[in-house]
Amino acid sequence: MSHRLQNRLRQYRRQAGLSQDEIAFLLGSPDSAQVSRYEKGRHVPELRRALAYVTILGVPLAELFPGIEASVKTEVEPRLKELRAALEKKRSEDCTSRSAKIVGSN
């Protein structure tokens, strides 16, 4: 089973009136085959190439790759909540410890 991540590269390329060959040229690719693979979600462009798309199409990264953004968000948010809870607990324990030291020194 192949897992393809949603992107809007084709949509924005067409809105810009550019062909796959023209995008390939702007990206520094030898031909449009790689552009086609990106557009079909078969490959995810490396960061530099994704940022080149942002420059070429004038569209924010998250808008070009909403499938990847959603996937990353799904993966990261639970860990973010866990870290926030751990930090809050640590702060609470630190405050309690400082309070105990202050009370104990009187």
Protein backbone atom coordinates (compact mmCIF):
# COMPACT_ATOMS: atom_id res chain seq x y z
CA MET A 1 0.00 0.00 0.00
CA SER A 2 1.48 3.36 -0.97
CA HIS A 3 0.96 6.26 1.35
CA ARG A 4 0.55 9.57 -0.45
CA LEU A 5 0.42 12.87 1.34
CA GLN A 6 -1.90 15.53 0.05
CA ASN A 7 -0.42 18.60 -1.59
CA ARG A 8 -1.73 21.41 -3.73
CA LEU A 9 1.28 21.82 -6.00
CA ARG A 10 -0.61 21.10 -9.22
CA GLN A 11 -3.46 23.43 -8.29
CA TYR A 12 -1.17 26.40 -7.57
CA ARG A 13 1.12 25.64 -10.54
CA ARG A 14 -1.86 25.77 -12.86
CA GLN A 15 -3.15 28.96 -11.22
CA ALA A 16 0.26 30.49 -11.86
CA GLY A 17 0.00 29.44 -15.51
CA LEU A 18 3.19 27.38 -15.36
CA SER A 19 3.90 24.00 -16.94
CA GLN A 20 5.65 21.13 -15.18
CA ASP A 21 8.66 21.74 -17.45
CA GLU A 22 8.79 25.39 -16.38
CA ILE A 23 8.57 24.45 -12.70
CA ALA A 24 11.32 21.86 -13.24
CA PHE A 25 13.52 24.55 -14.80
CA LEU A 26 12.87 26.93 -11.90
CA LEU A 27 13.64 24.15 -9.39
CA GLY A 28 16.83 23.25 -11.25
CA SER A 29 15.56 19.78 -12.18
CA PRO A 30 16.63 18.24 -15.49
CA ASP A 31 13.05 17.32 -16.46
CA SER A 32 9.45 17.38 -15.28
CA ALA A 33 9.34 13.77 -14.01
CA GLN A 34 10.27 14.79 -10.47
CA VAL A 35 7.71 17.62 -10.53
CA SER A 36 5.06 15.07 -11.55
CA ARG A 37 6.05 12.78 -8.65
CA TYR A 38 5.78 15.71 -6.22
CA GLU A 39 2.38 16.72 -7.57
CA LYS A 40 1.05 13.17 -7.35
CA GLY A 41 2.30 12.85 -3.77
CA ARG A 42 4.64 10.00 -4.63
CA HIS A 43 7.62 11.93 -3.30
CA VAL A 44 7.91 14.75 -0.80
CA PRO A 45 10.35 17.45 -1.88
CA GLU A 46 13.31 18.14 0.37
CA LEU A 47 13.06 21.35 2.39
CA ARG A 48 15.09 23.52 -0.02
CA ARG A 49 12.92 22.44 -2.93
CA ALA A 50 9.71 22.94 -0.94
CA LEU A 51 10.88 26.45 -0.07
CA ALA A 52 11.64 27.02 -3.76
CA TYR A 53 7.99 26.19 -4.48
CA VAL A 54 7.00 28.82 -1.92
CA THR A 55 9.13 31.39 -3.76
CA ILE A 56 7.95 30.35 -7.22
CA LEU A 57 4.25 30.12 -6.44
CA GLY A 58 4.02 32.75 -3.69
CA VAL A 59 2.03 30.43 -1.45
CA PRO A 60 2.84 29.52 2.20
CA LEU A 61 4.35 26.09 2.79
CA ALA A 62 1.43 24.88 4.92
CA GLU A 63 -0.96 25.77 2.12
CA LEU A 64 1.08 23.92 -0.49
CA PHE A 65 1.39 20.80 1.67
CA PRO A 66 -1.71 20.62 3.90
CA GLY A 67 -1.50 16.81 4.05
CA ILE A 68 2.00 16.94 5.49
CA GLU A 69 1.06 19.74 7.87
CA ALA A 70 -1.92 17.72 9.13
CA SER A 71 0.22 14.61 9.54
CA VAL A 72 2.93 16.48 11.45
CA LYS A 73 0.33 18.19 13.62
CA THR A 74 -1.26 14.83 14.46
CA GLU A 75 2.13 13.40 15.43
CA VAL A 76 3.44 16.39 17.39
CA GLU A 77 0.39 17.66 19.30
CA PRO A 78 0.16 14.73 21.77
CA ARG A 79 3.86 15.09 22.59
CA LEU A 80 3.44 18.84 22.95
CA LYS A 81 0.61 18.35 25.45
CA GLU A 82 2.67 15.78 27.34
CA LEU A 83 5.67 18.12 27.52
CA ARG A 84 3.53 21.05 28.65
CA ALA A 85 2.01 18.92 31.42
CA ALA A 86 5.45 17.72 32.53
CA LEU A 87 6.82 21.27 32.57
CA GLU A 88 3.81 22.54 34.49
CA LYS A 89 4.22 19.74 37.03
CA LYS A 90 7.92 20.53 37.38
CA ARG A 91 7.19 24.25 37.88
CA SER A 92 4.57 23.38 40.47
CA GLU A 93 6.98 21.07 42.31
CA ASP A 94 9.73 23.72 42.16
CA CYS A 95 7.38 26.35 43.62
CA THR A 96 6.29 23.97 46.37
CA SER A 97 9.93 23.14 47.16
CA ARG A 98 10.90 26.85 47.31
CA SER A 99 7.91 27.60 49.53
CA ALA A 100 8.90 24.78 51.88
CA LYS A 101 12.46 26.13 52.08
CA ILE A 102 11.22 29.64 52.85
CA VAL A 103 8.79 28.40 55.51
CA GLY A 104 11.45 26.09 56.98
CA SER A 105 14.00 28.90 57.32
CA ASN A 106 11.75 30.97 59.61
